[in-house]
PDB file of all heavy atoms in Angstrom:
ATOM      1  N   LEU A   1      20.754 -20.590  25.709  1.00  0.00           N
ATOM      2  CA  LEU A   1      20.621 -20.449  24.269  1.00  0.00           C
ATOM      3  C   LEU A   1      19.502 -21.357  23.778  1.00  0.00           C
ATOM      4  O   LEU A   1      19.367 -22.493  24.243  1.00  0.00           O
ATOM      5  CB  LEU A   1      21.930 -20.814  23.572  1.00  0.00           C
ATOM      6  CG  LEU A   1      23.126 -19.933  23.917  1.00  0.00           C
ATOM      7  CD1 LEU A   1      24.375 -20.458  23.221  1.00  0.00           C
ATOM      8  CD2 LEU A   1      22.868 -18.493  23.532  1.00  0.00           C
ATOM      9  N   PHE A   2      18.707 -20.841  22.868  1.00  0.00           N
ATOM     10  CA  PHE A   2      17.589 -21.591  22.310  1.00  0.00           C
ATOM     11  C   PHE A   2      17.780 -21.746  20.807  1.00  0.00           C
ATOM     12  O   PHE A   2      18.377 -20.893  20.158  1.00  0.00           O
ATOM     13  CB  PHE A   2      16.267 -20.867  22.582  1.00  0.00           C
ATOM     14  CG  PHE A   2      15.889 -20.835  24.029  1.00  0.00           C
ATOM     15  CD1 PHE A   2      16.282 -19.789  24.836  1.00  0.00           C
ATOM     16  CD2 PHE A   2      15.148 -21.856  24.587  1.00  0.00           C
ATOM     17  CE1 PHE A   2      15.939 -19.744  26.179  1.00  0.00           C
ATOM     18  CE2 PHE A   2      14.801 -21.833  25.932  1.00  0.00           C
ATOM     19  CZ  PHE A   2      15.190 -20.779  26.725  1.00  0.00           C
ATOM     20  N   MET A   3      17.244 -22.846  20.274  1.00  0.00           N
ATOM     21  CA  MET A   3      17.366 -23.121  18.840  1.00  0.00           C
ATOM     22  C   MET A   3      15.988 -23.349  18.233  1.00  0.00           C
ATOM     23  O   MET A   3      15.117 -23.946  18.855  1.00  0.00           O
ATOM     24  CB  MET A   3      18.222 -24.370  18.619  1.00  0.00           C
ATOM     25  CG  MET A   3      19.653 -24.220  19.099  1.00  0.00           C
ATOM     26  SD  MET A   3      20.636 -25.693  18.788  1.00  0.00           S
ATOM     27  CE  MET A   3      20.818 -25.598  17.015  1.00  0.00           C
ATOM     28  N   THR A   4      15.825 -22.893  16.987  1.00  0.00           N
ATOM     29  CA  THR A   4      14.591 -23.135  16.242  1.00  0.00           C
ATOM     30  C   THR A   4      14.639 -24.536  15.625  1.00  0.00           C
ATOM     31  O   THR A   4      15.703 -25.171  15.571  1.00  0.00           O
ATOM     32  CB  THR A   4      14.430 -22.115  15.102  1.00  0.00           C
ATOM     33  OG1 THR A   4      15.463 -22.339  14.142  1.00  0.00           O
ATOM     34  CG2 THR A   4      14.473 -20.684  15.621  1.00  0.00           C
ATOM     35  N   ASP A   5      13.501 -24.982  15.101  1.00  0.00           N
ATOM     36  CA  ASP A   5      13.491 -26.289  14.430  1.00  0.00           C
ATOM     37  C   ASP A   5      14.376 -26.272  13.184  1.00  0.00           C
ATOM     38  O   ASP A   5      15.017 -27.262  12.858  1.00  0.00           O
ATOM     39  CB  ASP A   5      12.067 -26.747  14.111  1.00  0.00           C
ATOM     40  CG  ASP A   5      11.246 -25.742  13.323  1.00  0.00           C
ATOM     41  OD1 ASP A   5      11.749 -24.644  13.002  1.00  0.00           O
ATOM     42  OD2 ASP A   5      10.075 -26.052  13.040  1.00  0.00           O
ATOM     43  N   VAL A   6      14.466 -25.141  12.512  1.00  0.00           N
ATOM     44  CA  VAL A   6      15.342 -25.022  11.336  1.00  0.00           C
ATOM     45  C   VAL A   6      16.806 -25.170  11.761  1.00  0.00           C
ATOM     46  O   VAL A   6      17.588 -25.876  11.109  1.00  0.00           O
ATOM     47  CB  VAL A   6      15.099 -23.674  10.613  1.00  0.00           C
ATOM     48  CG1 VAL A   6      16.123 -23.452   9.520  1.00  0.00           C
ATOM     49  CG2 VAL A   6      13.691 -23.615  10.054  1.00  0.00           C
ATOM     50  N   GLN A   7      17.183 -24.543  12.863  1.00  0.00           N
ATOM     51  CA  GLN A   7      18.561 -24.639  13.351  1.00  0.00           C
ATOM     52  C   GLN A   7      18.887 -26.058  13.810  1.00  0.00           C
ATOM     53  O   GLN A   7      19.987 -26.557  13.556  1.00  0.00           O
ATOM     54  CB  GLN A   7      18.784 -23.654  14.499  1.00  0.00           C
ATOM     55  CG  GLN A   7      18.750 -22.203  14.063  1.00  0.00           C
ATOM     56  CD  GLN A   7      18.719 -21.250  15.235  1.00  0.00           C
ATOM     57  OE1 GLN A   7      18.054 -21.479  16.244  1.00  0.00           O
ATOM     58  NE2 GLN A   7      19.446 -20.147  15.106  1.00  0.00           N
ATOM     59  N   VAL A   8      17.929 -26.698  14.470  1.00  0.00           N
ATOM     60  CA  VAL A   8      18.151 -28.070  14.937  1.00  0.00           C
ATOM     61  C   VAL A   8      18.301 -29.002  13.734  1.00  0.00           C
ATOM     62  O   VAL A   8      19.196 -29.850  13.703  1.00  0.00           O
ATOM     63  CB  VAL A   8      17.017 -28.544  15.871  1.00  0.00           C
ATOM     64  CG1 VAL A   8      17.168 -30.008  16.229  1.00  0.00           C
ATOM     65  CG2 VAL A   8      16.989 -27.693  17.144  1.00  0.00           C
ATOM     66  N   ALA A   9      17.452 -28.843  12.734  1.00  0.00           N
ATOM     67  CA  ALA A   9      17.549 -29.675  11.528  1.00  0.00           C
ATOM     68  C   ALA A   9      18.908 -29.476  10.853  1.00  0.00           C
ATOM     69  O   ALA A   9      19.539 -30.447  10.429  1.00  0.00           O
ATOM     70  CB  ALA A   9      16.408 -29.349  10.565  1.00  0.00           C
ATOM     71  N   ALA A  10      19.370 -28.240  10.781  1.00  0.00           N
ATOM     72  CA  ALA A  10      20.677 -27.964  10.168  1.00  0.00           C
ATOM     73  C   ALA A  10      21.802 -28.597  10.983  1.00  0.00           C
ATOM     74  O   ALA A  10      22.784 -29.087  10.413  1.00  0.00           O
ATOM     75  CB  ALA A  10      20.887 -26.456  10.049  1.00  0.00           C
ATOM     76  N   ARG A  11      21.672 -28.614  12.300  1.00  0.00           N
ATOM     77  CA  ARG A  11      22.695 -29.210  13.172  1.00  0.00           C
ATOM     78  C   ARG A  11      22.927 -30.681  12.832  1.00  0.00           C
ATOM     79  O   ARG A  11      24.033 -31.190  12.939  1.00  0.00           O
ATOM     80  CB  ARG A  11      22.262 -29.055  14.632  1.00  0.00           C
ATOM     81  CG  ARG A  11      23.279 -29.518  15.651  1.00  0.00           C
ATOM     82  CD  ARG A  11      22.753 -29.260  17.057  1.00  0.00           C
ATOM     83  NE  ARG A  11      23.685 -29.629  18.073  1.00  0.00           N
ATOM     84  CZ  ARG A  11      24.505 -28.796  18.708  1.00  0.00           C
ATOM     85  NH1 ARG A  11      24.491 -27.513  18.421  1.00  0.00           N
ATOM     86  NH2 ARG A  11      25.335 -29.232  19.632  1.00  0.00           N
ATOM     87  N   TYR A  12      21.859 -31.367  12.422  1.00  0.00           N
ATOM     88  CA  TYR A  12      21.952 -32.795  12.107  1.00  0.00           C
ATOM     89  C   TYR A  12      21.905 -33.053  10.603  1.00  0.00           C
ATOM     90  O   TYR A  12      21.674 -34.193  10.175  1.00  0.00           O
ATOM     91  CB  TYR A  12      20.844 -33.561  12.834  1.00  0.00           C
ATOM     92  CG  TYR A  12      20.975 -33.371  14.326  1.00  0.00           C
ATOM     93  CD1 TYR A  12      20.055 -32.606  15.034  1.00  0.00           C
ATOM     94  CD2 TYR A  12      22.058 -33.903  15.007  1.00  0.00           C
ATOM     95  CE1 TYR A  12      20.205 -32.392  16.393  1.00  0.00           C
ATOM     96  CE2 TYR A  12      22.216 -33.689  16.370  1.00  0.00           C
ATOM     97  CZ  TYR A  12      21.280 -32.935  17.051  1.00  0.00           C
ATOM     98  OH  TYR A  12      21.434 -32.718  18.399  1.00  0.00           O
ATOM     99  N   SER A  13      22.103 -32.017   9.804  1.00  0.00           N
ATOM    100  CA  SER A  13      22.138 -32.122   8.332  1.00  0.00           C
ATOM    101  C   SER A  13      20.882 -32.769   7.765  1.00  0.00           C
ATOM    102  O   SER A  13      20.953 -33.570   6.836  1.00  0.00           O
ATOM    103  CB  SER A  13      23.379 -32.902   7.888  1.00  0.00           C
ATOM    104  OG  SER A  13      24.549 -32.270   8.352  1.00  0.00           O
ATOM    105  N   LEU A  14      19.741 -32.416   8.340  1.00  0.00           N
ATOM    106  CA  LEU A  14      18.463 -32.935   7.851  1.00  0.00           C
ATOM    107  C   LEU A  14      17.920 -31.997   6.783  1.00  0.00           C
ATOM    108  O   LEU A  14      18.068 -30.787   6.875  1.00  0.00           O
ATOM    109  CB  LEU A  14      17.467 -33.055   9.008  1.00  0.00           C
ATOM    110  CG  LEU A  14      17.906 -33.981  10.147  1.00  0.00           C
ATOM    111  CD1 LEU A  14      16.971 -33.840  11.331  1.00  0.00           C
ATOM    112  CD2 LEU A  14      17.964 -35.411   9.676  1.00  0.00           C
ATOM    113  N   LYS A  15      17.282 -32.561   5.782  1.00  0.00           N
ATOM    114  CA  LYS A  15      16.747 -31.750   4.690  1.00  0.00           C
ATOM    115  C   LYS A  15      15.467 -31.028   5.083  1.00  0.00           C
ATOM    116  O   LYS A  15      15.096 -30.043   4.465  1.00  0.00           O
ATOM    117  CB  LYS A  15      16.488 -32.632   3.469  1.00  0.00           C
ATOM    118  CG  LYS A  15      17.749 -33.238   2.896  1.00  0.00           C
ATOM    119  CD  LYS A  15      17.425 -34.109   1.712  1.00  0.00           C
ATOM    120  CE  LYS A  15      18.573 -34.972   1.311  1.00  0.00           C
ATOM    121  NZ  LYS A  15      19.467 -34.425   0.369  1.00  0.00           N
ATOM    122  N   SER A  16      14.796 -31.532   6.115  1.00  0.00           N
ATOM    123  CA  SER A  16      13.509 -30.959   6.498  1.00  0.00           C
ATOM    124  C   SER A  16      13.405 -30.818   8.010  1.00  0.00           C
ATOM    125  O   SER A  16      13.834 -31.706   8.746  1.00  0.00           O
ATOM    126  CB  SER A  16      12.385 -31.872   5.999  1.00  0.00           C
ATOM    127  OG  SER A  16      11.171 -31.527   6.601  1.00  0.00           O
ATOM    128  N   ARG A  17      12.817 -29.722   8.454  1.00  0.00           N
ATOM    129  CA  ARG A  17      12.601 -29.547   9.891  1.00  0.00           C
ATOM    130  C   ARG A  17      11.534 -30.507  10.398  1.00  0.00           C
ATOM    131  O   ARG A  17      11.456 -30.771  11.591  1.00  0.00           O
ATOM    132  CB  ARG A  17      12.254 -28.096  10.195  1.00  0.00           C
ATOM    133  CG  ARG A  17      10.989 -27.630   9.553  1.00  0.00           C
ATOM    134  CD  ARG A  17      10.829 -26.133   9.709  1.00  0.00           C
ATOM    135  NE  ARG A  17       9.575 -25.716   9.128  1.00  0.00           N
ATOM    136  CZ  ARG A  17       8.677 -24.995   9.766  1.00  0.00           C
ATOM    137  NH1 ARG A  17       8.900 -24.581  10.975  1.00  0.00           N
ATOM    138  NH2 ARG A  17       7.565 -24.660   9.174  1.00  0.00           N
ATOM    139  N   GLU A  18      10.711 -31.042   9.496  1.00  0.00           N
ATOM    140  CA  GLU A  18       9.673 -31.996   9.899  1.00  0.00           C
ATOM    141  C   GLU A  18      10.292 -33.241  10.537  1.00  0.00           C
ATOM    142  O   GLU A  18       9.679 -33.864  11.402  1.00  0.00           O
ATOM    143  CB  GLU A  18       8.808 -32.380   8.697  1.00  0.00           C
ATOM    144  CG  GLU A  18       7.700 -33.363   9.011  1.00  0.00           C
ATOM    145  CD  GLU A  18       6.750 -32.914  10.129  1.00  0.00           C
ATOM    146  OE1 GLU A  18       6.465 -31.712  10.258  1.00  0.00           O
ATOM    147  OE2 GLU A  18       6.297 -33.798  10.888  1.00  0.00           O
ATOM    148  N   ALA A  19      11.495 -33.601  10.146  1.00  0.00           N
ATOM    149  CA  ALA A  19      12.170 -34.771  10.722  1.00  0.00           C
ATOM    150  C   ALA A  19      12.364 -34.600  12.235  1.00  0.00           C
ATOM    151  O   ALA A  19      12.197 -35.552  12.997  1.00  0.00           O
ATOM    152  CB  ALA A  19      13.501 -35.011  10.041  1.00  0.00           C
ATOM    153  N   ILE A  20      12.700 -33.381  12.657  1.00  0.00           N
ATOM    154  CA  ILE A  20      12.875 -33.123  14.092  1.00  0.00           C
ATOM    155  C   ILE A  20      11.560 -33.335  14.824  1.00  0.00           C
ATOM    156  O   ILE A  20      11.518 -33.953  15.888  1.00  0.00           O
ATOM    157  CB  ILE A  20      13.392 -31.675  14.324  1.00  0.00           C
ATOM    158  CG1 ILE A  20      14.792 -31.514  13.744  1.00  0.00           C
ATOM    159  CG2 ILE A  20      13.362 -31.308  15.804  1.00  0.00           C
ATOM    160  CD1 ILE A  20      15.853 -32.380  14.368  1.00  0.00           C
ATOM    161  N   TRP A  21      10.476 -32.817  14.247  1.00  0.00           N
ATOM    162  CA  TRP A  21       9.161 -32.977  14.893  1.00  0.00           C
ATOM    163  C   TRP A  21       8.754 -34.449  14.940  1.00  0.00           C
ATOM    164  O   TRP A  21       8.136 -34.893  15.905  1.00  0.00           O
ATOM    165  CB  TRP A  21       8.115 -32.126  14.168  1.00  0.00           C
ATOM    166  CG  TRP A  21       8.363 -30.676  14.382  1.00  0.00           C
ATOM    167  CD1 TRP A  21       8.898 -29.781  13.499  1.00  0.00           C
ATOM    168  CD2 TRP A  21       8.153 -29.948  15.593  1.00  0.00           C
ATOM    169  NE1 TRP A  21       9.023 -28.550  14.076  1.00  0.00           N
ATOM    170  CE2 TRP A  21       8.569 -28.618  15.365  1.00  0.00           C
ATOM    171  CE3 TRP A  21       7.658 -30.283  16.851  1.00  0.00           C
ATOM    172  CZ2 TRP A  21       8.492 -27.630  16.341  1.00  0.00           C
ATOM    173  CZ3 TRP A  21       7.584 -29.301  17.822  1.00  0.00           C
ATOM    174  CH2 TRP A  21       7.992 -27.994  17.565  1.00  0.00           C
ATOM    175  N   LYS A  22       9.131 -35.216  13.937  1.00  0.00           N
ATOM    176  CA  LYS A  22       8.848 -36.655  13.930  1.00  0.00           C
ATOM    177  C   LYS A  22       9.621 -37.344  15.062  1.00  0.00           C
ATOM    178  O   LYS A  22       9.081 -38.188  15.761  1.00  0.00           O
ATOM    179  CB  LYS A  22       9.234 -37.243  12.572  1.00  0.00           C
ATOM    180  CG  LYS A  22       8.815 -38.666  12.372  1.00  0.00           C
ATOM    181  CD  LYS A  22       9.128 -39.114  10.947  1.00  0.00           C
ATOM    182  CE  LYS A  22       8.654 -40.508  10.683  1.00  0.00           C
ATOM    183  NZ  LYS A  22       8.949 -40.940   9.313  1.00  0.00           N
ATOM    184  N   TRP A  23      10.895 -36.955  15.246  1.00  0.00           N
ATOM    185  CA  TRP A  23      11.694 -37.513  16.347  1.00  0.00           C
ATOM    186  C   TRP A  23      11.032 -37.207  17.688  1.00  0.00           C
ATOM    187  O   TRP A  23      10.972 -38.067  18.562  1.00  0.00           O
ATOM    188  CB  TRP A  23      13.095 -36.920  16.346  1.00  0.00           C
ATOM    189  CG  TRP A  23      13.988 -37.339  15.212  1.00  0.00           C
ATOM    190  CD1 TRP A  23      13.692 -38.200  14.192  1.00  0.00           C
ATOM    191  CD2 TRP A  23      15.325 -36.902  14.986  1.00  0.00           C
ATOM    192  NE1 TRP A  23      14.765 -38.315  13.347  1.00  0.00           N
ATOM    193  CE2 TRP A  23      15.785 -37.540  13.809  1.00  0.00           C
ATOM    194  CE3 TRP A  23      16.177 -36.034  15.646  1.00  0.00           C
ATOM    195  CZ2 TRP A  23      17.055 -37.331  13.297  1.00  0.00           C
ATOM    196  CZ3 TRP A  23      17.450 -35.824  15.136  1.00  0.00           C
ATOM    197  CH2 TRP A  23      17.882 -36.473  13.971  1.00  0.00           C
ATOM    198  N   VAL A  24      10.530 -35.968  17.840  1.00  0.00           N
ATOM    199  CA  VAL A  24       9.875 -35.578  19.101  1.00  0.00           C
ATOM    200  C   VAL A  24       8.626 -36.424  19.319  1.00  0.00           C
ATOM    201  O   VAL A  24       8.404 -36.956  20.410  1.00  0.00           O
ATOM    202  CB  VAL A  24       9.527 -34.068  19.100  1.00  0.00           C
ATOM    203  CG1 VAL A  24       8.642 -33.713  20.285  1.00  0.00           C
ATOM    204  CG2 VAL A  24      10.793 -33.229  19.105  1.00  0.00           C
ATOM    205  N   ARG A  25       7.793 -36.568  18.287  1.00  0.00           N
ATOM    206  CA  ARG A  25       6.561 -37.375  18.402  1.00  0.00           C
ATOM    207  C   ARG A  25       6.870 -38.825  18.768  1.00  0.00           C
ATOM    208  O   ARG A  25       6.107 -39.458  19.484  1.00  0.00           O
ATOM    209  CB  ARG A  25       5.772 -37.326  17.094  1.00  0.00           C
ATOM    210  CG  ARG A  25       5.025 -36.035  16.872  1.00  0.00           C
ATOM    211  CD  ARG A  25       4.021 -36.136  15.727  1.00  0.00           C
ATOM    212  NE  ARG A  25       4.627 -36.498  14.464  1.00  0.00           N
ATOM    213  CZ  ARG A  25       5.149 -35.658  13.580  1.00  0.00           C
ATOM    214  NH1 ARG A  25       5.154 -34.358  13.827  1.00  0.00           N
ATOM    215  NH2 ARG A  25       5.659 -36.088  12.446  1.00  0.00           N
ATOM    216  N   ASN A  26       7.986 -39.351  18.262  1.00  0.00           N
ATOM    217  CA  ASN A  26       8.373 -40.741  18.535  1.00  0.00           C
ATOM    218  C   ASN A  26       9.120 -40.895  19.853  1.00  0.00           C
ATOM    219  O   ASN A  26       9.541 -42.000  20.198  1.00  0.00           O
ATOM    220  CB  ASN A  26       9.225 -41.291  17.393  1.00  0.00           C
ATOM    221  CG  ASN A  26       8.447 -41.433  16.105  1.00  0.00           C
ATOM    222  OD1 ASN A  26       7.231 -41.551  16.115  1.00  0.00           O
ATOM    223  ND2 ASN A  26       9.133 -41.400  14.984  1.00  0.00           N
ATOM    224  N   GLY A  27       9.338 -39.794  20.571  1.00  0.00           N
ATOM    225  CA  GLY A  27      10.056 -39.848  21.842  1.00  0.00           C
ATOM    226  C   GLY A  27      11.555 -40.033  21.686  1.00  0.00           C
ATOM    227  O   GLY A  27      12.240 -40.396  22.638  1.00  0.00           O
ATOM    228  N   ALA A  28      12.076 -39.766  20.483  1.00  0.00           N
ATOM    229  CA  ALA A  28      13.492 -39.988  20.207  1.00  0.00           C
ATOM    230  C   ALA A  28      14.333 -38.720  20.333  1.00  0.00           C
ATOM    231  O   ALA A  28      15.534 -38.756  20.080  1.00  0.00           O
ATOM    232  CB  ALA A  28      13.649 -40.568  18.798  1.00  0.00           C
ATOM    233  N   PHE A  29      13.701 -37.605  20.716  1.00  0.00           N
ATOM    234  CA  PHE A  29      14.417 -36.330  20.804  1.00  0.00           C
ATOM    235  C   PHE A  29      13.759 -35.496  21.894  1.00  0.00           C
ATOM    236  O   PHE A  29      12.550 -35.625  22.125  1.00  0.00           O
ATOM    237  CB  PHE A  29      14.338 -35.597  19.447  1.00  0.00           C
ATOM    238  CG  PHE A  29      15.323 -34.483  19.299  1.00  0.00           C
ATOM    239  CD1 PHE A  29      16.671 -34.748  19.123  1.00  0.00           C
ATOM    240  CD2 PHE A  29      14.912 -33.158  19.341  1.00  0.00           C
ATOM    241  CE1 PHE A  29      17.589 -33.710  18.983  1.00  0.00           C
ATOM    242  CE2 PHE A  29      15.812 -32.128  19.200  1.00  0.00           C
ATOM    243  CZ  PHE A  29      17.162 -32.409  19.011  1.00  0.00           C
ATOM    244  N   PRO A  30      14.525 -34.649  22.573  1.00  0.00           N
ATOM    245  CA  PRO A  30      13.942 -33.828  23.641  1.00  0.00           C
ATOM    246  C   PRO A  30      12.776 -32.971  23.138  1.00  0.00           C
ATOM    247  O   PRO A  30      12.793 -32.495  21.995  1.00  0.00           O
ATOM    248  CB  PRO A  30      15.099 -32.926  24.084  1.00  0.00           C
ATOM    249  CG  PRO A  30      16.331 -33.633  23.646  1.00  0.00           C
ATOM    250  CD  PRO A  30      15.963 -34.401  22.414  1.00  0.00           C
ATOM    251  N   LYS A  31      11.797 -32.790  24.000  1.00  0.00           N
ATOM    252  CA  LYS A  31      10.658 -31.948  23.648  1.00  0.00           C
ATOM    253  C   LYS A  31      11.064 -30.480  23.713  1.00  0.00           C
ATOM    254  O   LYS A  31      11.844 -30.081  24.564  1.00  0.00           O
ATOM    255  CB  LYS A  31       9.501 -32.190  24.619  1.00  0.00           C
ATOM    256  CG  LYS A  31       8.874 -33.543  24.453  1.00  0.00           C
ATOM    257  CD  LYS A  31       7.684 -33.706  25.374  1.00  0.00           C
ATOM    258  CE  LYS A  31       7.056 -35.060  25.150  1.00  0.00           C
ATOM    259  NZ  LYS A  31       5.892 -35.275  25.981  1.00  0.00           N
ATOM    260  N   PRO A  32      10.508 -29.689  22.803  1.00  0.00           N
ATOM    261  CA  PRO A  32      10.806 -28.258  22.822  1.00  0.00           C
ATOM    262  C   PRO A  32      10.004 -27.548  23.912  1.00  0.00           C
ATOM    263  O   PRO A  32       9.119 -28.138  24.532  1.00  0.00           O
ATOM    264  CB  PRO A  32      10.366 -27.800  21.436  1.00  0.00           C
ATOM    265  CG  PRO A  32       9.244 -28.729  21.091  1.00  0.00           C
ATOM    266  CD  PRO A  32       9.635 -30.055  21.696  1.00  0.00           C
ATOM    267  N   ILE A  33      10.323 -26.287  24.097  1.00  0.00           N
ATOM    268  CA  ILE A  33       9.643 -25.447  25.078  1.00  0.00           C
ATOM    269  C   ILE A  33       8.869 -24.377  24.326  1.00  0.00           C
ATOM    270  O   ILE A  33       9.417 -23.735  23.414  1.00  0.00           O
ATOM    271  CB  ILE A  33      10.672 -24.782  26.015  1.00  0.00           C
ATOM    272  CG1 ILE A  33      11.407 -25.855  26.798  1.00  0.00           C
ATOM    273  CG2 ILE A  33      10.010 -23.784  26.942  1.00  0.00           C
ATOM    274  CD1 ILE A  33      12.633 -25.338  27.513  1.00  0.00           C
ATOM    275  N   LYS A  34       7.616 -24.187  24.696  1.00  0.00           N
ATOM    276  CA  LYS A  34       6.811 -23.134  24.077  1.00  0.00           C
ATOM    277  C   LYS A  34       7.065 -21.844  24.848  1.00  0.00           C
ATOM    278  O   LYS A  34       6.666 -21.713  25.998  1.00  0.00           O
ATOM    279  CB  LYS A  34       5.339 -23.515  24.106  1.00  0.00           C
ATOM    280  CG  LYS A  34       4.471 -22.608  23.278  1.00  0.00           C
ATOM    281  CD  LYS A  34       3.119 -23.251  23.071  1.00  0.00           C
ATOM    282  CE  LYS A  34       2.348 -22.578  21.981  1.00  0.00           C
ATOM    283  NZ  LYS A  34       2.690 -22.993  20.649  1.00  0.00           N
ATOM    284  N   LEU A  35       7.758 -20.914  24.229  1.00  0.00           N
ATOM    285  CA  LEU A  35       8.097 -19.652  24.874  1.00  0.00           C
ATOM    286  C   LEU A  35       6.939 -18.668  24.820  1.00  0.00           C
ATOM    287  O   LEU A  35       6.763 -17.857  25.735  1.00  0.00           O
ATOM    288  CB  LEU A  35       9.342 -19.041  24.240  1.00  0.00           C
ATOM    289  CG  LEU A  35      10.617 -19.878  24.348  1.00  0.00           C
ATOM    290  CD1 LEU A  35      11.761 -19.208  23.606  1.00  0.00           C
ATOM    291  CD2 LEU A  35      10.984 -20.105  25.799  1.00  0.00           C
ATOM    292  N   SER A  36       6.172 -18.725  23.743  1.00  0.00           N
ATOM    293  CA  SER A  36       4.993 -17.875  23.578  1.00  0.00           C
ATOM    294  C   SER A  36       4.186 -18.478  22.429  1.00  0.00           C
ATOM    295  O   SER A  36       4.669 -19.372  21.745  1.00  0.00           O
ATOM    296  CB  SER A  36       5.405 -16.437  23.266  1.00  0.00           C
ATOM    297  OG  SER A  36       6.028 -16.362  22.011  1.00  0.00           O
ATOM    298  N   PRO A  37       2.962 -17.987  22.217  1.00  0.00           N
ATOM    299  CA  PRO A  37       2.204 -18.524  21.069  1.00  0.00           C
ATOM    300  C   PRO A  37       3.002 -18.357  19.774  1.00  0.00           C
ATOM    301  O   PRO A  37       3.500 -17.270  19.479  1.00  0.00           O
ATOM    302  CB  PRO A  37       0.941 -17.662  21.061  1.00  0.00           C
ATOM    303  CG  PRO A  37       0.790 -17.197  22.469  1.00  0.00           C
ATOM    304  CD  PRO A  37       2.210 -17.007  22.968  1.00  0.00           C
ATOM    305  N   GLY A  38       3.171 -19.429  19.057  1.00  0.00           N
ATOM    306  CA  GLY A  38       3.911 -19.385  17.801  1.00  0.00           C
ATOM    307  C   GLY A  38       5.418 -19.369  17.939  1.00  0.00           C
ATOM    308  O   GLY A  38       6.125 -19.194  16.951  1.00  0.00           O
ATOM    309  N   CYS A  39       5.927 -19.555  19.153  1.00  0.00           N
ATOM    310  CA  CYS A  39       7.379 -19.533  19.377  1.00  0.00           C
ATOM    311  C   CYS A  39       7.792 -20.744  20.220  1.00  0.00           C
ATOM    312  O   CYS A  39       7.657 -20.727  21.439  1.00  0.00           O
ATOM    313  CB  CYS A  39       7.783 -18.240  20.070  1.00  0.00           C
ATOM    314  SG  CYS A  39       9.562 -18.104  20.309  1.00  0.00           S
ATOM    315  N   THR A  40       8.234 -21.782  19.538  1.00  0.00           N
ATOM    316  CA  THR A  40       8.671 -23.011  20.193  1.00  0.00           C
ATOM    317  C   THR A  40      10.147 -23.197  19.918  1.00  0.00           C
ATOM    318  O   THR A  40      10.586 -23.086  18.772  1.00  0.00           O
ATOM    319  CB  THR A  40       7.872 -24.216  19.653  1.00  0.00           C
ATOM    320  OG1 THR A  40       6.477 -23.959  19.855  1.00  0.00           O
ATOM    321  CG2 THR A  40       8.244 -25.499  20.368  1.00  0.00           C
ATOM    322  N   ARG A  41      10.918 -23.473  20.971  1.00  0.00           N
ATOM    323  CA  ARG A  41      12.365 -23.593  20.824  1.00  0.00           C
ATOM    324  C   ARG A  41      12.891 -24.751  21.681  1.00  0.00           C
ATOM    325  O   ARG A  41      12.262 -25.180  22.633  1.00  0.00           O
ATOM    326  CB  ARG A  41      13.072 -22.307  21.279  1.00  0.00           C
ATOM    327  CG  ARG A  41      12.658 -21.051  20.535  1.00  0.00           C
ATOM    328  CD  ARG A  41      13.204 -21.061  19.122  1.00  0.00           C
ATOM    329  NE  ARG A  41      12.962 -19.804  18.435  1.00  0.00           N
ATOM    330  CZ  ARG A  41      11.912 -19.558  17.650  1.00  0.00           C
ATOM    331  NH1 ARG A  41      10.986 -20.470  17.481  1.00  0.00           N
ATOM    332  NH2 ARG A  41      11.785 -18.398  17.045  1.00  0.00           N
ATOM    333  N   TRP A  42      14.091 -25.199  21.318  1.00  0.00           N
ATOM    334  CA  TRP A  42      14.805 -26.198  22.104  1.00  0.00           C
ATOM    335  C   TRP A  42      15.924 -25.509  22.852  1.00  0.00           C
ATOM    336  O   TRP A  42      16.594 -24.635  22.292  1.00  0.00           O
ATOM    337  CB  TRP A  42      15.412 -27.269  21.197  1.00  0.00           C
ATOM    338  CG  TRP A  42      14.438 -28.279  20.723  1.00  0.00           C
ATOM    339  CD1 TRP A  42      14.215 -29.510  21.279  1.00  0.00           C
ATOM    340  CD2 TRP A  42      13.576 -28.198  19.595  1.00  0.00           C
ATOM    341  NE1 TRP A  42      13.247 -30.171  20.563  1.00  0.00           N
ATOM    342  CE2 TRP A  42      12.835 -29.381  19.523  1.00  0.00           C
ATOM    343  CE3 TRP A  42      13.337 -27.210  18.631  1.00  0.00           C
ATOM    344  CZ2 TRP A  42      11.895 -29.625  18.543  1.00  0.00           C
ATOM    345  CZ3 TRP A  42      12.391 -27.443  17.663  1.00  0.00           C
ATOM    346  CH2 TRP A  42      11.684 -28.640  17.617  1.00  0.00           C
ATOM    347  N   LYS A  43      16.156 -25.932  24.082  1.00  0.00           N
ATOM    348  CA  LYS A  43      17.304 -25.438  24.835  1.00  0.00           C
ATOM    349  C   LYS A  43      18.543 -26.136  24.299  1.00  0.00           C
ATOM    350  O   LYS A  43      18.580 -27.372  24.209  1.00  0.00           O
ATOM    351  CB  LYS A  43      17.175 -25.763  26.326  1.00  0.00           C
ATOM    352  CG  LYS A  43      16.219 -24.903  27.074  1.00  0.00           C
ATOM    353  CD  LYS A  43      16.282 -25.264  28.548  1.00  0.00           C
ATOM    354  CE  LYS A  43      15.404 -24.365  29.370  1.00  0.00           C
ATOM    355  NZ  LYS A  43      15.532 -24.684  30.807  1.00  0.00           N
TER     356      LYS A  43
END
């Protein structure tokens, strides 16, 4: 099962999906997988 950044943000009750990307940049969250151009998901 894969999750979008919107779904991941909702899982942690974050107001913005940008918070997830900030966690990834800071090394505080698993990196997503690029499934295709324009399609990045987390397992």
